[in-house]
Amino acid sequence: MELPWLRWWDSEGNLLTTSEERLAQESQKIEQERLRAEKLAEKLRAMGIDPEE
C-alpha cells in the first residue's frame, strides 16, 4: 500500500529533499562532472597532451 508522505519546508519556504532525492541529485552531479572531465581530456588529447600523465 502506498500512502502520501508528509513533506517538510524550511523557514524560507524551501522544500526539504528526501534522502532519495538527494541521492538522485548527487548522482546527476557526478555524471555531469564525469562528462565534463571526459570532454576536457578529449580537448587535451587533440592538443597532443596526454591527460593521464
C-alpha atoms as a PDB file:
ATOM      1  CA  MET A   1       0.000   0.000   0.000  1.00  0.00           C
ATOM      2  CA  GLU A   2       1.301   3.464  -0.854  1.00  0.00           C
ATOM      3  CA  LEU A   3       0.378   6.441   1.270  1.00  0.00           C
ATOM      4  CA  PRO A   4       1.238  10.121   0.844  1.00  0.00           C
ATOM      5  CA  TRP A   5       4.232  11.349   2.829  1.00  0.00           C
ATOM      6  CA  LEU A   6       4.330  14.473   4.892  1.00  0.00           C
ATOM      7  CA  ARG A   7       6.827  16.909   3.325  1.00  0.00           C
ATOM      8  CA  TRP A   8       8.826  19.454   5.292  1.00  0.00           C
ATOM      9  CA  TRP A   9       9.637  23.050   4.366  1.00  0.00           C
ATOM     10  CA  ASP A  10      12.262  25.287   5.929  1.00  0.00           C
ATOM     11  CA  SER A  11      11.585  28.741   7.363  1.00  0.00           C
ATOM     12  CA  GLU A  12      12.348  30.325   3.967  1.00  0.00           C
ATOM     13  CA  GLY A  13       9.751  28.225   2.165  1.00  0.00           C
ATOM     14  CA  ASN A  14      12.172  25.751   0.546  1.00  0.00           C
ATOM     15  CA  LEU A  15      11.061  22.143   0.262  1.00  0.00           C
ATOM     16  CA  LEU A  16      13.434  19.856   2.137  1.00  0.00           C
ATOM     17  CA  THR A  17      14.579  16.971  -0.033  1.00  0.00           C
ATOM     18  CA  THR A  18      14.257  13.328   0.872  1.00  0.00           C
ATOM     19  CA  SER A  19      17.298  11.067   1.019  1.00  0.00           C
ATOM     20  CA  GLU A  20      16.260   9.529  -2.324  1.00  0.00           C
ATOM     21  CA  GLU A  21      16.024  12.972  -3.921  1.00  0.00           C
ATOM     22  CA  ARG A  22      19.438  13.966  -2.546  1.00  0.00           C
ATOM     23  CA  LEU A  23      20.948  10.727  -3.845  1.00  0.00           C
ATOM     24  CA  ALA A  24      19.478  11.359  -7.308  1.00  0.00           C
ATOM     25  CA  GLN A  25      20.824  14.941  -7.285  1.00  0.00           C
ATOM     26  CA  GLU A  26      24.299  13.784  -6.261  1.00  0.00           C
ATOM     27  CA  SER A  27      24.284  11.066  -8.928  1.00  0.00           C
ATOM     28  CA  GLN A  28      23.365  13.654 -11.544  1.00  0.00           C
ATOM     29  CA  LYS A  29      26.164  15.987 -10.382  1.00  0.00           C
ATOM     30  CA  ILE A  30      28.683  13.138 -10.510  1.00  0.00           C
ATOM     31  CA  GLU A  31      27.624  12.238 -14.048  1.00  0.00           C
ATOM     32  CA  GLN A  32      27.874  15.879 -15.166  1.00  0.00           C
ATOM     33  CA  GLU A  33      31.383  16.135 -13.713  1.00  0.00           C
ATOM     34  CA  ARG A  34      32.392  12.863 -15.384  1.00  0.00           C
ATOM     35  CA  LEU A  35      31.196  14.152 -18.754  1.00  0.00           C
ATOM     36  CA  ARG A  36      32.993  17.466 -18.195  1.00  0.00           C
ATOM     37  CA  ALA A  37      36.243  15.664 -17.343  1.00  0.00           C
ATOM     38  CA  GLU A  38      35.873  13.436 -20.390  1.00  0.00           C
ATOM     39  CA  LYS A  39      35.360  16.451 -22.653  1.00  0.00           C
ATOM     40  CA  LEU A  40      38.414  18.215 -21.194  1.00  0.00           C
ATOM     41  CA  ALA A  41      40.519  15.057 -21.656  1.00  0.00           C
ATOM     42  CA  GLU A  42      39.436  14.897 -25.317  1.00  0.00           C
ATOM     43  CA  LYS A  43      40.495  18.522 -25.831  1.00  0.00           C
ATOM     44  CA  LEU A  44      43.878  17.841 -24.243  1.00  0.00           C
ATOM     45  CA  ARG A  45      44.405  14.795 -26.466  1.00  0.00           C
ATOM     46  CA  ALA A  46      43.539  16.911 -29.515  1.00  0.00           C
ATOM     47  CA  MET A  47      46.307  19.296 -28.423  1.00  0.00           C
ATOM     48  CA  GLY A  48      48.740  16.396 -28.146  1.00  0.00           C
ATOM     49  CA  ILE A  49      48.727  16.264 -24.355  1.00  0.00           C
ATOM     50  CA  ASP A  50      48.131  13.004 -22.519  1.00  0.00           C
ATOM     51  CA  PRO A  51      45.795  13.848 -19.591  1.00  0.00           C
ATOM     52  CA  GLU A  52      46.865  10.674 -17.757  1.00  0.00           C
ATOM     53  CA  GLU A  53      50.442  11.909 -17.303  1.00  0.00           C
END
